[in-house]
Amino acid sequence: MFFHEGLPLPADRVECTSMLTLRNLLVSTDVIAALPMFIAVDDRELRILPTPLSSIRRSVGVTRPKDRMPSPAASALLVHLREVGAQLAEFERDYESSEGAGRG
């Protein structure tokens, strides 16, 4: 994100992969974090800052053997992942279109 915007990394930064730890840091200190909006959108103690982060878009994929078909359970999981992915994309579009109304 910083590289994409031509900015140096902050001197004081924390790298964290635990959402619980990150949330605790956010509500108990003066830090900010770039994280999926789905983490903060319904959290009354967090506020989404109106900052576009277009460089953070990510694709998600599934790796499977090329020489065999997925099992029925794996096929069902793939269908479910596609459905949920579509729902999340719609939720994000709806949220972005209503962002002008303000939050919190």
PDB file of N, CA and C in Angstrom:
ATOM      1  N   MET A   1       0.831  -1.176   0.000  1.00  0.00           N
ATOM      2  CA  MET A   1       0.000   0.000   0.000  1.00  0.00           C
ATOM      3  C   MET A   1       0.878   1.244   0.000  1.00  0.00           C
ATOM      4  N   PHE A   2       1.850   1.316   0.905  1.00  0.00           N
ATOM      5  CA  PHE A   2       2.710   2.491   0.973  1.00  0.00           C
ATOM      6  C   PHE A   2       3.539   2.626  -0.300  1.00  0.00           C
ATOM      7  N   PHE A   3       4.101   1.501  -0.757  1.00  0.00           N
ATOM      8  CA  PHE A   3       4.900   1.513  -1.983  1.00  0.00           C
ATOM      9  C   PHE A   3       4.066   1.995  -3.162  1.00  0.00           C
ATOM     10  N   HIS A   4       2.836   1.485  -3.280  1.00  0.00           N
ATOM     11  CA  HIS A   4       1.938   1.861  -4.372  1.00  0.00           C
ATOM     12  C   HIS A   4       1.671   3.365  -4.378  1.00  0.00           C
ATOM     13  N   GLU A   5       1.586   3.963  -3.205  1.00  0.00           N
ATOM     14  CA  GLU A   5       1.317   5.397  -3.088  1.00  0.00           C
ATOM     15  C   GLU A   5       2.591   6.239  -3.070  1.00  0.00           C
ATOM     16  N   GLY A   6       3.766   5.592  -3.191  1.00  0.00           N
ATOM     17  CA  GLY A   6       5.029   6.321  -3.194  1.00  0.00           C
ATOM     18  C   GLY A   6       5.418   6.880  -1.834  1.00  0.00           C
ATOM     19  N   LEU A   7       4.988   6.204  -0.770  1.00  0.00           N
ATOM     20  CA  LEU A   7       5.255   6.671   0.593  1.00  0.00           C
ATOM     21  C   LEU A   7       6.199   5.718   1.313  1.00  0.00           C
ATOM     22  N   PRO A   8       7.018   6.235   2.226  1.00  0.00           N
ATOM     23  CA  PRO A   8       7.868   5.331   3.016  1.00  0.00           C
ATOM     24  C   PRO A   8       7.021   4.598   4.062  1.00  0.00           C
ATOM     25  N   LEU A   9       7.523   3.460   4.512  1.00  0.00           N
ATOM     26  CA  LEU A   9       6.835   2.745   5.585  1.00  0.00           C
ATOM     27  C   LEU A   9       6.903   3.566   6.863  1.00  0.00           C
ATOM     28  N   PRO A  10       5.872   3.524   7.688  1.00  0.00           N
ATOM     29  CA  PRO A  10       5.928   4.229   8.973  1.00  0.00           C
ATOM     30  C   PRO A  10       7.061   3.669   9.837  1.00  0.00           C
ATOM     31  N   ALA A  11       7.722   4.537  10.588  1.00  0.00           N
ATOM     32  CA  ALA A  11       8.812   4.080  11.459  1.00  0.00           C
ATOM     33  C   ALA A  11       8.284   3.170  12.559  1.00  0.00           C
ATOM     34  N   ASP A  12       7.152   3.518  13.128  1.00  0.00           N
ATOM     35  CA  ASP A  12       6.535   2.709  14.178  1.00  0.00           C
ATOM     36  C   ASP A  12       5.353   1.966  13.585  1.00  0.00           C
ATOM     37  N   ARG A  13       5.529   0.675  13.382  1.00  0.00           N
ATOM     38  CA  ARG A  13       4.442  -0.108  12.800  1.00  0.00           C
ATOM     39  C   ARG A  13       4.394  -1.468  13.476  1.00  0.00           C
ATOM     40  N   VAL A  14       3.215  -2.058  13.437  1.00  0.00           N
ATOM     41  CA  VAL A  14       2.984  -3.381  14.005  1.00  0.00           C
ATOM     42  C   VAL A  14       2.438  -4.257  12.895  1.00  0.00           C
ATOM     43  N   GLU A  15       3.012  -5.434  12.746  1.00  0.00           N
ATOM     44  CA  GLU A  15       2.479  -6.409  11.806  1.00  0.00           C
ATOM     45  C   GLU A  15       1.798  -7.488  12.625  1.00  0.00           C
ATOM     46  N   CYS A  16       0.549  -7.754  12.305  1.00  0.00           N
ATOM     47  CA  CYS A  16      -0.255  -8.658  13.129  1.00  0.00           C
ATOM     48  C   CYS A  16      -1.158  -9.487  12.237  1.00  0.00           C
ATOM     49  N   THR A  17      -1.205 -10.797  12.469  1.00  0.00           N
ATOM     50  CA  THR A  17      -2.099 -11.658  11.693  1.00  0.00           C
ATOM     51  C   THR A  17      -3.312 -12.099  12.499  1.00  0.00           C
ATOM     52  N   SER A  18      -3.367 -11.752  13.757  1.00  0.00           N
ATOM     53  CA  SER A  18      -4.505 -12.124  14.601  1.00  0.00           C
ATOM     54  C   SER A  18      -5.527 -10.993  14.609  1.00  0.00           C
ATOM     55  N   MET A  19      -6.736 -11.272  14.104  1.00  0.00           N
ATOM     56  CA  MET A  19      -7.774 -10.243  14.084  1.00  0.00           C
ATOM     57  C   MET A  19      -8.176  -9.830  15.501  1.00  0.00           C
ATOM     58  N   LEU A  20      -8.169 -10.757  16.445  1.00  0.00           N
ATOM     59  CA  LEU A  20      -8.520 -10.408  17.819  1.00  0.00           C
ATOM     60  C   LEU A  20      -7.490  -9.460  18.426  1.00  0.00           C
ATOM     61  N   THR A  21      -6.219  -9.754  18.207  1.00  0.00           N
ATOM     62  CA  THR A  21      -5.166  -8.871  18.714  1.00  0.00           C
ATOM     63  C   THR A  21      -5.244  -7.517  18.037  1.00  0.00           C
ATOM     64  N   LEU A  22      -5.433  -7.516  16.727  1.00  0.00           N
ATOM     65  CA  LEU A  22      -5.525  -6.260  15.987  1.00  0.00           C
ATOM     66  C   LEU A  22      -6.703  -5.424  16.465  1.00  0.00           C
ATOM     67  N   ARG A  23      -7.857  -6.045  16.655  1.00  0.00           N
ATOM     68  CA  ARG A  23      -9.022  -5.318  17.148  1.00  0.00           C
ATOM     69  C   ARG A  23      -8.735  -4.715  18.516  1.00  0.00           C
ATOM     70  N   ASN A  24      -8.094  -5.477  19.393  1.00  0.00           N
ATOM     71  CA  ASN A  24      -7.755  -4.966  20.720  1.00  0.00           C
ATOM     72  C   ASN A  24      -6.827  -3.752  20.618  1.00  0.00           C
ATOM     73  N   LEU A  25      -5.854  -3.812  19.733  1.00  0.00           N
ATOM     74  CA  LEU A  25      -4.965  -2.661  19.522  1.00  0.00           C
ATOM     75  C   LEU A  25      -5.759  -1.453  19.017  1.00  0.00           C
ATOM     76  N   LEU A  26      -6.696  -1.690  18.118  1.00  0.00           N
ATOM     77  CA  LEU A  26      -7.475  -0.595  17.553  1.00  0.00           C
ATOM     78  C   LEU A  26      -8.351   0.100  18.594  1.00  0.00           C
ATOM     79  N   VAL A  27      -8.976  -0.669  19.473  1.00  0.00           N
ATOM     80  CA  VAL A  27      -9.885  -0.052  20.441  1.00  0.00           C
ATOM     81  C   VAL A  27      -9.180   0.454  21.695  1.00  0.00           C
ATOM     82  N   SER A  28      -7.939   0.024  21.936  1.00  0.00           N
ATOM     83  CA  SER A  28      -7.274   0.429  23.179  1.00  0.00           C
ATOM     84  C   SER A  28      -6.070   1.345  22.983  1.00  0.00           C
ATOM     85  N   THR A  29      -5.712   1.644  21.739  1.00  0.00           N
ATOM     86  CA  THR A  29      -4.576   2.539  21.474  1.00  0.00           C
ATOM     87  C   THR A  29      -4.969   3.528  20.382  1.00  0.00           C
ATOM     88  N   ASP A  30      -3.991   4.276  19.900  1.00  0.00           N
ATOM     89  CA  ASP A  30      -4.276   5.257  18.848  1.00  0.00           C
ATOM     90  C   ASP A  30      -3.816   4.778  17.469  1.00  0.00           C
ATOM     91  N   VAL A  31      -3.759   3.464  17.254  1.00  0.00           N
ATOM     92  CA  VAL A  31      -3.317   2.947  15.963  1.00  0.00           C
ATOM     93  C   VAL A  31      -4.476   2.912  14.965  1.00  0.00           C
ATOM     94  N   ILE A  32      -4.111   2.843  13.705  1.00  0.00           N
ATOM     95  CA  ILE A  32      -5.075   2.600  12.633  1.00  0.00           C
ATOM     96  C   ILE A  32      -4.598   1.366  11.879  1.00  0.00           C
ATOM     97  N   ALA A  33      -5.477   0.739  11.137  1.00  0.00           N
ATOM     98  CA  ALA A  33      -5.108  -0.462  10.398  1.00  0.00           C
ATOM     99  C   ALA A  33      -5.912  -0.559   9.114  1.00  0.00           C
ATOM    100  N   ALA A  34      -5.289  -1.139   8.111  1.00  0.00           N
ATOM    101  CA  ALA A  34      -5.986  -1.472   6.872  1.00  0.00           C
ATOM    102  C   ALA A  34      -6.401  -2.929   6.995  1.00  0.00           C
ATOM    103  N   LEU A  35      -7.709  -3.166   7.016  1.00  0.00           N
ATOM    104  CA  LEU A  35      -8.209  -4.524   7.123  1.00  0.00           C
ATOM    105  C   LEU A  35      -9.520  -4.629   6.374  1.00  0.00           C
ATOM    106  N   PRO A  36      -9.965  -5.847   6.126  1.00  0.00           N
ATOM    107  CA  PRO A  36     -11.219  -5.992   5.373  1.00  0.00           C
ATOM    108  C   PRO A  36     -12.361  -5.253   6.056  1.00  0.00           C
ATOM    109  N   MET A  37     -13.147  -4.542   5.266  1.00  0.00           N
ATOM    110  CA  MET A  37     -14.237  -3.747   5.845  1.00  0.00           C
ATOM    111  C   MET A  37     -15.236  -4.605   6.590  1.00  0.00           C
ATOM    112  N   PHE A  38     -15.323  -5.892   6.233  1.00  0.00           N
ATOM    113  CA  PHE A  38     -16.273  -6.786   6.886  1.00  0.00           C
ATOM    114  C   PHE A  38     -15.933  -6.985   8.363  1.00  0.00           C
ATOM    115  N   ILE A  39     -14.696  -6.720   8.731  1.00  0.00           N
ATOM    116  CA  ILE A  39     -14.289  -6.844  10.126  1.00  0.00           C
ATOM    117  C   ILE A  39     -14.866  -5.683  10.942  1.00  0.00           C
ATOM    118  N   ALA A  40     -14.919  -4.506  10.369  1.00  0.00           N
ATOM    119  CA  ALA A  40     -15.283  -3.306  11.124  1.00  0.00           C
ATOM    120  C   ALA A  40     -16.700  -2.805  10.899  1.00  0.00           C
ATOM    121  N   VAL A  41     -17.340  -3.210   9.845  1.00  0.00           N
ATOM    122  CA  VAL A  41     -18.602  -2.578   9.458  1.00  0.00           C
ATOM    123  C   VAL A  41     -19.693  -2.707  10.525  1.00  0.00           C
ATOM    124  N   ASP A  42     -19.729  -3.791  11.275  1.00  0.00           N
ATOM    125  CA  ASP A  42     -20.751  -3.956  12.310  1.00  0.00           C
ATOM    126  C   ASP A  42     -20.201  -3.822  13.729  1.00  0.00           C
ATOM    127  N   ASP A  43     -18.968  -3.388  13.852  1.00  0.00           N
ATOM    128  CA  ASP A  43     -18.334  -3.246  15.173  1.00  0.00           C
ATOM    129  C   ASP A  43     -18.544  -1.819  15.664  1.00  0.00           C
ATOM    130  N   ARG A  44     -19.295  -1.665  16.737  1.00  0.00           N
ATOM    131  CA  ARG A  44     -19.631  -0.321  17.237  1.00  0.00           C
ATOM    132  C   ARG A  44     -18.438   0.420  17.832  1.00  0.00           C
ATOM    133  N   GLU A  45     -17.359  -0.291  18.109  1.00  0.00           N
ATOM    134  CA  GLU A  45     -16.182   0.358  18.693  1.00  0.00           C
ATOM    135  C   GLU A  45     -15.147   0.765  17.644  1.00  0.00           C
ATOM    136  N   LEU A  46     -15.368   0.383  16.397  1.00  0.00           N
ATOM    137  CA  LEU A  46     -14.445   0.730  15.322  1.00  0.00           C
ATOM    138  C   LEU A  46     -15.138   1.662  14.341  1.00  0.00           C
ATOM    139  N   ARG A  47     -14.346   2.473  13.666  1.00  0.00           N
ATOM    140  CA  ARG A  47     -14.886   3.395  12.670  1.00  0.00           C
ATOM    141  C   ARG A  47     -14.105   3.224  11.379  1.00  0.00           C
ATOM    142  N   ILE A  48     -14.802   3.142  10.283  1.00  0.00           N
ATOM    143  CA  ILE A  48     -14.158   3.035   8.977  1.00  0.00           C
ATOM    144  C   ILE A  48     -13.805   4.435   8.504  1.00  0.00           C
ATOM    145  N   LEU A  49     -12.541   4.653   8.211  1.00  0.00           N
ATOM    146  CA  LEU A  49     -12.093   5.956   7.732  1.00  0.00           C
ATOM    147  C   LEU A  49     -12.373   6.060   6.236  1.00  0.00           C
ATOM    148  N   PRO A  50     -12.806   7.222   5.767  1.00  0.00           N
ATOM    149  CA  PRO A  50     -13.126   7.388   4.341  1.00  0.00           C
ATOM    150  C   PRO A  50     -11.853   7.557   3.507  1.00  0.00           C
ATOM    151  N   THR A  51     -11.051   6.500   3.440  1.00  0.00           N
ATOM    152  CA  THR A  51      -9.780   6.526   2.724  1.00  0.00           C
ATOM    153  C   THR A  51      -9.779   5.426   1.669  1.00  0.00           C
ATOM    154  N   PRO A  52      -9.722   5.773   0.402  1.00  0.00           N
ATOM    155  CA  PRO A  52      -9.698   4.725  -0.623  1.00  0.00           C
ATOM    156  C   PRO A  52      -8.386   3.946  -0.558  1.00  0.00           C
ATOM    157  N   LEU A  53      -8.485   2.639  -0.605  1.00  0.00           N
ATOM    158  CA  LEU A  53      -7.306   1.768  -0.576  1.00  0.00           C
ATOM    159  C   LEU A  53      -7.342   0.849  -1.793  1.00  0.00           C
ATOM    160  N   SER A  54      -7.367   1.448  -2.971  1.00  0.00           N
ATOM    161  CA  SER A  54      -7.525   0.672  -4.200  1.00  0.00           C
ATOM    162  C   SER A  54      -6.374  -0.297  -4.441  1.00  0.00           C
ATOM    163  N   SER A  55      -5.213  -0.059  -3.844  1.00  0.00           N
ATOM    164  CA  SER A  55      -4.072  -0.944  -4.069  1.00  0.00           C
ATOM    165  C   SER A  55      -4.156  -2.229  -3.259  1.00  0.00           C
ATOM    166  N   ILE A  56      -5.184  -2.399  -2.429  1.00  0.00           N
ATOM    167  CA  ILE A  56      -5.263  -3.563  -1.557  1.00  0.00           C
ATOM    168  C   ILE A  56      -6.205  -4.644  -2.087  1.00  0.00           C
ATOM    169  N   ARG A  57      -6.821  -4.455  -3.207  1.00  0.00           N
ATOM    170  CA  ARG A  57      -7.714  -5.477  -3.764  1.00  0.00           C
ATOM    171  C   ARG A  57      -6.944  -6.790  -3.932  1.00  0.00           C
ATOM    172  N   ARG A  58      -7.608  -7.891  -3.597  1.00  0.00           N
ATOM    173  CA  ARG A  58      -6.969  -9.198  -3.717  1.00  0.00           C
ATOM    174  C   ARG A  58      -7.926 -10.183  -4.348  1.00  0.00           C
ATOM    175  N   SER A  59      -7.356 -11.070  -5.140  1.00  0.00           N
ATOM    176  CA  SER A  59      -8.125 -12.184  -5.673  1.00  0.00           C
ATOM    177  C   SER A  59      -7.876 -13.388  -4.782  1.00  0.00           C
ATOM    178  N   VAL A  60      -8.855 -14.246  -4.715  1.00  0.00           N
ATOM    179  CA  VAL A  60      -8.738 -15.466  -3.933  1.00  0.00           C
ATOM    180  C   VAL A  60      -8.973 -16.631  -4.876  1.00  0.00           C
ATOM    181  N   GLY A  61      -8.145 -17.642  -4.750  1.00  0.00           N
ATOM    182  CA  GLY A  61      -8.282 -18.790  -5.632  1.00  0.00           C
ATOM    183  C   GLY A  61      -8.241 -20.097  -4.870  1.00  0.00           C
ATOM    184  N   VAL A  62      -8.525 -21.167  -5.580  1.00  0.00           N
ATOM    185  CA  VAL A  62      -8.494 -22.514  -5.031  1.00  0.00           C
ATOM    186  C   VAL A  62      -7.531 -23.326  -5.882  1.00  0.00           C
ATOM    187  N   THR A  63      -6.648 -24.066  -5.235  1.00  0.00           N
ATOM    188  CA  THR A  63      -5.713 -24.938  -5.944  1.00  0.00           C
ATOM    189  C   THR A  63      -6.178 -26.380  -5.777  1.00  0.00           C
ATOM    190  N   ARG A  64      -6.230 -27.079  -6.893  1.00  0.00           N
ATOM    191  CA  ARG A  64      -6.648 -28.477  -6.834  1.00  0.00           C
ATOM    192  C   ARG A  64      -5.878 -29.261  -7.892  1.00  0.00           C
ATOM    193  N   PRO A  65      -5.823 -30.571  -7.750  1.00  0.00           N
ATOM    194  CA  PRO A  65      -5.098 -31.385  -8.745  1.00  0.00           C
ATOM    195  C   PRO A  65      -5.724 -31.256 -10.131  1.00  0.00           C
ATOM    196  N   LYS A  66      -4.886 -31.121 -11.155  1.00  0.00           N
ATOM    197  CA  LYS A  66      -5.426 -30.954 -12.508  1.00  0.00           C
ATOM    198  C   LYS A  66      -5.868 -32.267 -13.137  1.00  0.00           C
ATOM    199  N   ASP A  67      -5.425 -33.394 -12.587  1.00  0.00           N
ATOM    200  CA  ASP A  67      -5.712 -34.668 -13.226  1.00  0.00           C
ATOM    201  C   ASP A  67      -6.910 -35.406 -12.645  1.00  0.00           C
ATOM    202  N   ARG A  68      -7.682 -34.750 -11.773  1.00  0.00           N
ATOM    203  CA  ARG A  68      -8.890 -35.408 -11.275  1.00  0.00           C
ATOM    204  C   ARG A  68      -9.941 -34.365 -10.897  1.00  0.00           C
ATOM    205  N   MET A  69     -11.168 -34.805 -10.939  1.00  0.00           N
ATOM    206  CA  MET A  69     -12.288 -33.938 -10.588  1.00  0.00           C
ATOM    207  C   MET A  69     -12.398 -33.844  -9.068  1.00  0.00           C
ATOM    208  N   PRO A  70     -12.918 -32.716  -8.563  1.00  0.00           N
ATOM    209  CA  PRO A  70     -13.110 -32.623  -7.117  1.00  0.00           C
ATOM    210  C   PRO A  70     -14.188 -33.601  -6.649  1.00  0.00           C
ATOM    211  N   SER A  71     -14.081 -34.010  -5.414  1.00  0.00           N
ATOM    212  CA  SER A  71     -15.094 -34.892  -4.822  1.00  0.00           C
ATOM    213  C   SER A  71     -16.414 -34.129  -4.741  1.00  0.00           C
ATOM    214  N   PRO A  72     -17.508 -34.849  -4.506  1.00  0.00           N
ATOM    215  CA  PRO A  72     -18.799 -34.157  -4.342  1.00  0.00           C
ATOM    216  C   PRO A  72     -18.751 -33.119  -3.219  1.00  0.00           C
ATOM    217  N   ALA A  73     -18.074 -33.430  -2.111  1.00  0.00           N
ATOM    218  CA  ALA A  73     -17.982 -32.473  -1.002  1.00  0.00           C
ATOM    219  C   ALA A  73     -17.168 -31.248  -1.419  1.00  0.00           C
ATOM    220  N   ALA A  74     -16.058 -31.471  -2.135  1.00  0.00           N
ATOM    221  CA  ALA A  74     -15.247 -30.341  -2.598  1.00  0.00           C
ATOM    222  C   ALA A  74     -16.009 -29.501  -3.609  1.00  0.00           C
ATOM    223  N   SER A  75     -16.768 -30.146  -4.481  1.00  0.00           N
ATOM    224  CA  SER A  75     -17.591 -29.404  -5.453  1.00  0.00           C
ATOM    225  C   SER A  75     -18.622 -28.544  -4.741  1.00  0.00           C
ATOM    226  N   ALA A  76     -19.253 -29.105  -3.702  1.00  0.00           N
ATOM    227  CA  ALA A  76     -20.239 -28.333  -2.936  1.00  0.00           C
ATOM    228  C   ALA A  76     -19.574 -27.143  -2.255  1.00  0.00           C
ATOM    229  N   LEU A  77     -18.367 -27.358  -1.721  1.00  0.00           N
ATOM    230  CA  LEU A  77     -17.636 -26.261  -1.086  1.00  0.00           C
ATOM    231  C   LEU A  77     -17.318 -25.168  -2.107  1.00  0.00           C
ATOM    232  N   LEU A  78     -16.882 -25.532  -3.304  1.00  0.00           N
ATOM    233  CA  LEU A  78     -16.575 -24.543  -4.340  1.00  0.00           C
ATOM    234  C   LEU A  78     -17.812 -23.739  -4.724  1.00  0.00           C
ATOM    235  N   VAL A  79     -18.959 -24.399  -4.837  1.00  0.00           N
ATOM    236  CA  VAL A  79     -20.210 -23.690  -5.135  1.00  0.00           C
ATOM    237  C   VAL A  79     -20.505 -22.689  -4.022  1.00  0.00           C
ATOM    238  N   HIS A  80     -20.379 -23.142  -2.785  1.00  0.00           N
ATOM    239  CA  HIS A  80     -20.648 -22.265  -1.646  1.00  0.00           C
ATOM    240  C   HIS A  80     -19.677 -21.077  -1.619  1.00  0.00           C
ATOM    241  N   LEU A  81     -18.407 -21.318  -1.876  1.00  0.00           N
ATOM    242  CA  LEU A  81     -17.425 -20.224  -1.895  1.00  0.00           C
ATOM    243  C   LEU A  81     -17.771 -19.192  -2.961  1.00  0.00           C
ATOM    244  N   ARG A  82     -18.191 -19.658  -4.126  1.00  0.00           N
ATOM    245  CA  ARG A  82     -18.585 -18.708  -5.187  1.00  0.00           C
ATOM    246  C   ARG A  82     -19.797 -17.883  -4.774  1.00  0.00           C
ATOM    247  N   GLU A  83     -20.776 -18.544  -4.156  1.00  0.00           N
ATOM    248  CA  GLU A  83     -21.980 -17.833  -3.712  1.00  0.00           C
ATOM    249  C   GLU A  83     -21.646 -16.787  -2.651  1.00  0.00           C
ATOM    250  N   VAL A  84     -20.856 -17.170  -1.663  1.00  0.00           N
ATOM    251  CA  VAL A  84     -20.496 -16.235  -0.599  1.00  0.00           C
ATOM    252  C   VAL A  84     -19.630 -15.108  -1.158  1.00  0.00           C
ATOM    253  N   GLY A  85     -18.714 -15.433  -2.070  1.00  0.00           N
ATOM    254  CA  GLY A  85     -17.900 -14.394  -2.696  1.00  0.00           C
ATOM    255  C   GLY A  85     -18.757 -13.374  -3.428  1.00  0.00           C
ATOM    256  N   ALA A  86     -19.777 -13.840  -4.128  1.00  0.00           N
ATOM    257  CA  ALA A  86     -20.689 -12.931  -4.830  1.00  0.00           C
ATOM    258  C   ALA A  86     -21.467 -12.072  -3.830  1.00  0.00           C
ATOM    259  N   GLN A  87     -21.894 -12.679  -2.712  1.00  0.00           N
ATOM    260  CA  GLN A  87     -22.613 -11.916  -1.689  1.00  0.00           C
ATOM    261  C   GLN A  87     -21.710 -10.843  -1.078  1.00  0.00           C
ATOM    262  N   LEU A  88     -20.459 -11.195  -0.806  1.00  0.00           N
ATOM    263  CA  LEU A  88     -19.528 -10.219  -0.230  1.00  0.00           C
ATOM    264  C   LEU A  88     -19.247  -9.080  -1.203  1.00  0.00           C
ATOM    265  N   ALA A  89     -19.095  -9.409  -2.475  1.00  0.00           N
ATOM    266  CA  ALA A  89     -18.865  -8.363  -3.479  1.00  0.00           C
ATOM    267  C   ALA A  89     -20.071  -7.429  -3.560  1.00  0.00           C
ATOM    268  N   GLU A  90     -21.277  -7.984  -3.506  1.00  0.00           N
ATOM    269  CA  GLU A  90     -22.481  -7.151  -3.528  1.00  0.00           C
ATOM    270  C   GLU A  90     -22.562  -6.282  -2.277  1.00  0.00           C
ATOM    271  N   PHE A  91     -22.241  -6.867  -1.132  1.00  0.00           N
ATOM    272  CA  PHE A  91     -22.246  -6.111   0.125  1.00  0.00           C
ATOM    273  C   PHE A  91     -21.265  -4.943   0.045  1.00  0.00           C
ATOM    274  N   GLU A  92     -20.079  -5.204  -0.494  1.00  0.00           N
ATOM    275  CA  GLU A  92     -19.080  -4.139  -0.605  1.00  0.00           C
ATOM    276  C   GLU A  92     -19.567  -3.040  -1.548  1.00  0.00           C
ATOM    277  N   ARG A  93     -20.158  -3.412  -2.675  1.00  0.00           N
ATOM    278  CA  ARG A  93     -20.693  -2.401  -3.605  1.00  0.00           C
ATOM    279  C   ARG A  93     -21.781  -1.577  -2.932  1.00  0.00           C
ATOM    280  N   ASP A  94     -22.693  -2.244  -2.219  1.00  0.00           N
ATOM    281  CA  ASP A  94     -23.768  -1.530  -1.524  1.00  0.00           C
ATOM    282  C   ASP A  94     -23.199  -0.583  -0.467  1.00  0.00           C
ATOM    283  N   TYR A  95     -22.205  -1.047   0.270  1.00  0.00           N
ATOM    284  CA  TYR A  95     -21.609  -0.221   1.317  1.00  0.00           C
ATOM    285  C   TYR A  95     -20.932   1.005   0.703  1.00  0.00           C
ATOM    286  N   GLU A  96     -20.174   0.773  -0.368  1.00  0.00           N
ATOM    287  CA  GLU A  96     -19.479   1.894  -1.009  1.00  0.00           C
ATOM    288  C   GLU A  96     -20.462   2.904  -1.587  1.00  0.00           C
ATOM    289  N   SER A  97     -21.592   2.442  -2.116  1.00  0.00           N
ATOM    290  CA  SER A  97     -22.563   3.372  -2.680  1.00  0.00           C
ATOM    291  C   SER A  97     -23.310   4.156  -1.595  1.00  0.00           C
ATOM    292  N   SER A  98     -23.410   3.591  -0.399  1.00  0.00           N
ATOM    293  CA  SER A  98     -24.090   4.291   0.688  1.00  0.00           C
ATOM    294  C   SER A  98     -23.114   5.042   1.596  1.00  0.00           C
ATOM    295  N   GLU A  99     -21.825   4.961   1.321  1.00  0.00           N
ATOM    296  CA  GLU A  99     -20.803   5.581   2.169  1.00  0.00           C
ATOM    297  C   GLU A  99     -20.982   7.088   2.283  1.00  0.00           C
ATOM    298  N   GLY A 100     -21.539   7.700   1.265  1.00  0.00           N
ATOM    299  CA  GLY A 100     -21.759   9.149   1.310  1.00  0.00           C
ATOM    300  C   GLY A 100     -22.742   9.573   2.395  1.00  0.00           C
ATOM    301  N   ALA A 101     -23.558   8.636   2.869  1.00  0.00           N
ATOM    302  CA  ALA A 101     -24.530   8.967   3.911  1.00  0.00           C
ATOM    303  C   ALA A 101     -23.884   9.127   5.278  1.00  0.00           C
ATOM    304  N   GLY A 102     -22.600   8.718   5.393  1.00  0.00           N
ATOM    305  CA  GLY A 102     -21.886   8.852   6.671  1.00  0.00           C
ATOM    306  C   GLY A 102     -22.037   7.626   7.520  1.00  0.00           C
ATOM    307  N   ARG A 103     -21.224   7.562   8.558  1.00  0.00           N
ATOM    308  CA  ARG A 103     -21.232   6.404   9.447  1.00  0.00           C
ATOM    309  C   ARG A 103     -20.851   6.836  10.839  1.00  0.00           C
ATOM    310  N   GLY A 104     -21.489   6.217  11.833  1.00  0.00           N
ATOM    311  CA  GLY A 104     -21.130   6.305  13.228  1.00  0.00           C
ATOM    312  C   GLY A 104     -21.355   7.580  13.856  1.00  0.00           C
TER     313      GLY A 104
END
